[in-house]
Amino acid sequence: MKLSDRLDALFWRLYAAAGVFCLAAITVQLEPFLQYMAVCMFFLLAIVPLQAIAALVDFYLDLRADFNPRPS
C-alpha cells in the first residue's frame, strides 16, 4: 500500500469525523462558538486535503528513486 493511499484513507476518516462533529454541534444546539468552530473545521479539511501532501511526498520519493537507483 502506497503512502498516498494511506494518507487518502486518513483524510477521509478525518473528513467523516469532522462532518459528524459538525452535524452534532448544530443538532445539539451547542454554544455558537462551538458551532462556528465545527463548521470551520469541516471546511478547512475540505479545502486543505492531505492528498496534496501525499502527492508531494510521492513526487519526492519518485524523484529520489530516479537519482539513487537501487543496484540490481
C-alpha atoms as a PDB file:
ATOM      1  CA  MET A   1       0.000   0.000   0.000  1.00  0.00           C
ATOM      2  CA  LYS A   2       1.459   3.339  -1.050  1.00  0.00           C
ATOM      3  CA  LEU A   3       1.846   6.250   1.300  1.00  0.00           C
ATOM      4  CA  SER A   4      -0.641   8.298  -0.706  1.00  0.00           C
ATOM      5  CA  ASP A   5      -3.272   5.564  -0.264  1.00  0.00           C
ATOM      6  CA  ARG A   6      -2.742   5.566   3.490  1.00  0.00           C
ATOM      7  CA  LEU A   7      -2.935   9.351   3.679  1.00  0.00           C
ATOM      8  CA  ASP A   8      -6.027   9.306   1.469  1.00  0.00           C
ATOM      9  CA  ALA A   9      -7.736   6.871   3.850  1.00  0.00           C
ATOM     10  CA  LEU A  10      -6.691   9.026   6.804  1.00  0.00           C
ATOM     11  CA  PHE A  11      -8.058  12.133   5.080  1.00  0.00           C
ATOM     12  CA  TRP A  12     -11.471  10.554   4.512  1.00  0.00           C
ATOM     13  CA  ARG A  13     -11.637   9.346   8.123  1.00  0.00           C
ATOM     14  CA  LEU A  14     -10.806  12.833   9.384  1.00  0.00           C
ATOM     15  CA  TYR A  15     -13.295  14.351   6.959  1.00  0.00           C
ATOM     16  CA  ALA A  16     -16.045  11.978   8.134  1.00  0.00           C
ATOM     17  CA  ALA A  17     -15.234  12.704  11.789  1.00  0.00           C
ATOM     18  CA  ALA A  18     -15.355  16.445  11.136  1.00  0.00           C
ATOM     19  CA  GLY A  19     -18.699  16.040   9.365  1.00  0.00           C
ATOM     20  CA  VAL A  20     -20.164  14.075  12.271  1.00  0.00           C
ATOM     21  CA  PHE A  21     -18.829  16.648  14.742  1.00  0.00           C
ATOM     22  CA  CYS A  22     -20.273  19.468  12.637  1.00  0.00           C
ATOM     23  CA  LEU A  23     -23.718  17.848  12.450  1.00  0.00           C
ATOM     24  CA  ALA A  24     -23.664  17.026  16.166  1.00  0.00           C
ATOM     25  CA  ALA A  25     -22.689  20.577  17.105  1.00  0.00           C
ATOM     26  CA  ILE A  26     -25.514  22.046  15.037  1.00  0.00           C
ATOM     27  CA  THR A  27     -28.110  19.441  16.043  1.00  0.00           C
ATOM     28  CA  VAL A  28     -27.426  19.529  19.773  1.00  0.00           C
ATOM     29  CA  GLN A  29     -27.547  23.345  19.785  1.00  0.00           C
ATOM     30  CA  LEU A  30     -24.163  23.847  21.368  1.00  0.00           C
ATOM     31  CA  GLU A  31     -22.662  27.231  22.013  1.00  0.00           C
ATOM     32  CA  PRO A  32     -22.466  29.357  18.853  1.00  0.00           C
ATOM     33  CA  PHE A  33     -18.675  29.377  19.116  1.00  0.00           C
ATOM     34  CA  LEU A  34     -18.543  25.566  19.024  1.00  0.00           C
ATOM     35  CA  GLN A  35     -20.904  25.506  16.045  1.00  0.00           C
ATOM     36  CA  TYR A  36     -18.700  28.022  14.250  1.00  0.00           C
ATOM     37  CA  MET A  37     -15.575  26.028  15.126  1.00  0.00           C
ATOM     38  CA  ALA A  38     -17.150  22.786  13.873  1.00  0.00           C
ATOM     39  CA  VAL A  39     -18.172  24.306  10.541  1.00  0.00           C
ATOM     40  CA  CYS A  40     -14.736  25.900  10.092  1.00  0.00           C
ATOM     41  CA  MET A  41     -13.003  22.595  10.848  1.00  0.00           C
ATOM     42  CA  PHE A  42     -15.227  20.795   8.335  1.00  0.00           C
ATOM     43  CA  PHE A  43     -14.474  23.269   5.549  1.00  0.00           C
ATOM     44  CA  LEU A  44     -10.794  23.518   6.453  1.00  0.00           C
ATOM     45  CA  LEU A  45     -10.452  19.780   5.945  1.00  0.00           C
ATOM     46  CA  ALA A  46     -12.306  20.111   2.657  1.00  0.00           C
ATOM     47  CA  ILE A  47     -10.119  22.952   1.384  1.00  0.00           C
ATOM     48  CA  VAL A  48      -6.716  21.691   2.553  1.00  0.00           C
ATOM     49  CA  PRO A  49      -6.751  17.946   1.847  1.00  0.00           C
ATOM     50  CA  LEU A  50      -3.938  15.642   2.819  1.00  0.00           C
ATOM     51  CA  GLN A  51      -3.958  14.336  -0.734  1.00  0.00           C
ATOM     52  CA  ALA A  52      -1.810  17.287  -1.800  1.00  0.00           C
ATOM     53  CA  ILE A  53       0.765  16.398   0.836  1.00  0.00           C
ATOM     54  CA  ALA A  54       0.663  12.764  -0.259  1.00  0.00           C
ATOM     55  CA  ALA A  55       1.228  13.787  -3.872  1.00  0.00           C
ATOM     56  CA  LEU A  56       4.259  15.867  -2.882  1.00  0.00           C
ATOM     57  CA  VAL A  57       5.698  13.009  -0.824  1.00  0.00           C
ATOM     58  CA  ASP A  58       5.198  10.559  -3.700  1.00  0.00           C
ATOM     59  CA  PHE A  59       6.822  13.023  -6.100  1.00  0.00           C
ATOM     60  CA  TYR A  60       9.800  13.397  -3.766  1.00  0.00           C
ATOM     61  CA  LEU A  61      10.178   9.637  -3.357  1.00  0.00           C
ATOM     62  CA  ASP A  62       9.957   9.085  -7.121  1.00  0.00           C
ATOM     63  CA  LEU A  63      12.498  11.834  -7.729  1.00  0.00           C
ATOM     64  CA  ARG A  64      14.831  10.358  -5.136  1.00  0.00           C
ATOM     65  CA  ALA A  65      14.478   6.915  -6.696  1.00  0.00           C
ATOM     66  CA  ASP A  66      15.387   8.356 -10.106  1.00  0.00           C
ATOM     67  CA  PHE A  67      18.635   9.820  -8.800  1.00  0.00           C
ATOM     68  CA  ASN A  68      19.507   6.935  -6.476  1.00  0.00           C
ATOM     69  CA  PRO A  69      18.649   3.736  -8.340  1.00  0.00           C
ATOM     70  CA  ARG A  70      18.926   0.518  -6.382  1.00  0.00           C
ATOM     71  CA  PRO A  71      21.576  -1.893  -7.597  1.00  0.00           C
ATOM     72  CA  SER A  72      20.117  -4.937  -9.311  1.00  0.00           C
END
